[in-house]
Amino acid sequence: MSPGGPRVSEVMTVRPRSLPRDATLHDAARLMRDAGIGDVLVTVAGRLCGMITDRDIVVRAVAEDRDARIISLGEVCTADLATVRPDDDTATAARLMRERAVRRLPVVDEARRPVGIVSLGDLAINDGVSAPTLEEIWRAPPNV
């Protein structure tokens, strides 16, 4: 661990899966299925511009009878994302998750290229974040 507390880079999942903004929901769903994941980062020219989750696909597309084969990720992804940097501490990540009621945060470099994802689960196995903080995040309503 780092002297000032654990850093995001020490707990994050590296090499996050991403697709370009013009890819379809169908593309994202297949990637999620094949990789066994629940989220895909959305990019433009390699830079983060959004995130799509399996829940987003269900709530924002399937439940609205939208065709996943033609709807682009850019049309339904969450674009207003909180992000962290690899050298941020895990307490910062937990605070952002609590404030934004999210369970995962993209980790980006200085050019906003995705380099990882830090999840609630990543923080849960880390002693640097208190259990009450994690419980607050877990109990927060989803942000749809």
Protein backbone atom coordinates (compact mmCIF):
# COMPACT_ATOMS: atom_id res chain seq x y z
CA MET A 1 0.00 0.00 0.00
CA SER A 2 1.04 3.57 -0.58
CA PRO A 3 2.19 5.64 2.43
CA GLY A 4 -0.88 7.93 2.25
CA GLY A 5 -3.28 5.01 1.98
CA PRO A 6 -4.12 2.59 -0.79
CA ARG A 7 -4.29 3.99 -4.31
CA VAL A 8 -6.90 3.19 -6.92
CA SER A 9 -4.18 1.61 -9.09
CA GLU A 10 -3.60 -0.98 -6.36
CA VAL A 11 -7.20 -2.26 -6.36
CA MET A 12 -8.65 -1.49 -9.80
CA THR A 13 -9.38 -3.94 -12.58
CA VAL A 14 -6.97 -3.17 -15.41
CA ARG A 15 -7.68 -3.26 -19.15
CA PRO A 16 -11.37 -2.39 -19.00
CA ARG A 17 -13.54 -3.37 -21.93
CA SER A 18 -14.64 -0.54 -24.17
CA LEU A 19 -16.48 0.08 -27.41
CA PRO A 20 -16.79 3.17 -29.60
CA ARG A 21 -19.80 5.43 -29.13
CA ASP A 22 -21.29 4.35 -32.48
CA ALA A 23 -21.29 0.63 -31.57
CA THR A 24 -24.73 -0.84 -30.89
CA LEU A 25 -26.32 -2.02 -27.68
CA HIS A 26 -26.26 -5.48 -29.20
CA ASP A 27 -22.47 -5.22 -29.55
CA ALA A 28 -22.18 -4.19 -25.90
CA ALA A 29 -24.49 -6.96 -24.69
CA ARG A 30 -22.49 -9.60 -26.56
CA LEU A 31 -19.22 -8.24 -25.17
CA MET A 32 -20.66 -8.31 -21.64
CA ARG A 33 -21.83 -11.88 -22.13
CA ASP A 34 -18.57 -13.10 -23.65
CA ALA A 35 -16.35 -11.36 -21.07
CA GLY A 36 -18.60 -12.07 -18.08
CA ILE A 37 -18.86 -8.39 -17.17
CA GLY A 38 -21.69 -5.96 -16.41
CA ASP A 39 -20.34 -2.74 -17.89
CA VAL A 40 -18.57 -1.42 -20.96
CA LEU A 41 -16.83 1.92 -21.26
CA VAL A 42 -17.84 4.04 -24.24
CA THR A 43 -15.14 5.94 -26.11
CA VAL A 44 -14.54 8.44 -28.89
CA ALA A 45 -11.07 8.28 -30.43
CA GLY A 46 -9.94 6.20 -27.44
CA ARG A 47 -11.09 8.75 -24.85
CA LEU A 48 -13.83 8.03 -22.34
CA CYS A 49 -17.20 9.59 -23.13
CA GLY A 50 -19.59 7.30 -21.25
CA MET A 51 -20.45 3.95 -19.71
CA ILE A 52 -23.16 1.42 -20.42
CA THR A 53 -24.22 -1.26 -17.94
CA ASP A 54 -26.34 -4.34 -18.32
CA ARG A 55 -28.99 -2.54 -16.29
CA ASP A 56 -28.89 0.44 -18.67
CA ILE A 57 -29.56 -1.88 -21.60
CA VAL A 58 -32.59 -3.35 -19.86
CA VAL A 59 -34.06 -0.12 -18.46
CA ARG A 60 -33.22 2.33 -21.25
CA ALA A 61 -33.68 0.08 -24.26
CA VAL A 62 -35.37 -3.29 -23.78
CA ALA A 63 -38.09 -1.94 -21.46
CA GLU A 64 -38.73 0.86 -23.96
CA ASP A 65 -39.02 -1.56 -26.90
CA ARG A 66 -35.95 -0.07 -28.60
CA ASP A 67 -34.04 -2.22 -31.10
CA ALA A 68 -30.66 -3.13 -29.61
CA ARG A 69 -29.30 -3.90 -33.06
CA ILE A 70 -29.62 -0.29 -34.25
CA ILE A 71 -29.48 1.86 -31.09
CA SER A 72 -25.97 3.22 -30.59
CA LEU A 73 -24.22 3.28 -27.24
CA GLY A 74 -24.03 7.05 -27.52
CA GLU A 75 -27.83 7.25 -27.46
CA VAL A 76 -28.30 5.49 -24.12
CA CYS A 77 -25.00 5.45 -22.23
CA THR A 78 -24.41 7.49 -19.11
CA ALA A 79 -22.24 10.39 -20.24
CA ASP A 80 -21.99 12.42 -17.04
CA LEU A 81 -19.45 10.17 -15.33
CA ALA A 82 -17.44 10.63 -12.21
CA THR A 83 -13.93 9.31 -12.80
CA VAL A 84 -10.79 8.77 -10.78
CA ARG A 85 -7.12 8.65 -11.66
CA PRO A 86 -4.84 5.71 -10.85
CA ASP A 87 -2.96 7.73 -8.23
CA ASP A 88 -6.13 8.84 -6.38
CA ASP A 89 -6.63 7.18 -3.02
CA THR A 90 -9.42 4.67 -2.49
CA ALA A 91 -11.15 6.98 -0.02
CA THR A 92 -11.66 9.45 -2.88
CA ALA A 93 -13.18 6.68 -5.00
CA ALA A 94 -15.51 5.67 -2.15
CA ARG A 95 -16.57 9.29 -1.60
CA LEU A 96 -17.39 9.73 -5.29
CA MET A 97 -19.35 6.46 -5.33
CA ARG A 98 -21.35 7.60 -2.32
CA GLU A 99 -22.00 11.09 -3.72
CA ARG A 100 -23.00 9.84 -7.17
CA ALA A 101 -24.78 6.64 -5.99
CA VAL A 102 -22.71 4.45 -8.32
CA ARG A 103 -21.00 1.13 -7.74
CA ARG A 104 -18.15 1.49 -10.22
CA LEU A 105 -15.94 4.28 -11.48
CA PRO A 106 -13.84 4.43 -14.62
CA VAL A 107 -10.16 5.08 -14.01
CA VAL A 108 -8.65 7.39 -16.61
CA ASP A 109 -5.23 8.81 -17.41
CA GLU A 110 -4.53 12.51 -17.94
CA ALA A 111 -5.84 12.29 -21.54
CA ARG A 112 -9.12 10.63 -20.35
CA ARG A 113 -8.11 7.29 -21.84
CA PRO A 114 -9.60 4.46 -19.75
CA VAL A 115 -6.96 2.45 -17.89
CA GLY A 116 -9.16 0.60 -15.39
CA ILE A 117 -12.37 0.34 -13.43
CA VAL A 118 -12.68 0.42 -9.66
CA SER A 119 -15.79 -1.19 -8.24
CA LEU A 120 -17.52 -1.39 -4.91
CA GLY A 121 -16.22 -4.95 -4.69
CA ASP A 122 -12.65 -3.75 -5.23
CA LEU A 123 -13.06 -1.36 -2.31
CA ALA A 124 -14.79 -3.95 -0.12
CA ILE A 125 -11.67 -6.11 -0.01
CA ASN A 126 -9.57 -3.09 0.90
CA ASP A 127 -9.13 -2.11 4.54
CA GLY A 128 -8.71 1.56 3.60
CA VAL A 129 -12.45 2.18 3.26
CA SER A 130 -14.84 1.84 6.16
CA ALA A 131 -17.69 -0.67 6.15
CA PRO A 132 -20.36 2.01 6.85
CA THR A 133 -19.21 3.96 3.76
CA LEU A 134 -19.47 0.87 1.58
CA GLU A 135 -22.88 0.04 3.01
CA GLU A 136 -24.12 3.58 2.18
CA ILE A 137 -23.00 3.13 -1.42
CA TRP A 138 -24.55 -0.33 -1.69
CA ARG A 139 -27.90 0.83 -0.32
CA ALA A 140 -28.12 3.94 -2.52
CA PRO A 141 -30.80 3.73 -5.22
CA PRO A 142 -29.48 3.10 -8.74
CA ASN A 143 -28.91 6.12 -10.91
CA VAL A 144 -30.95 5.54 -14.04
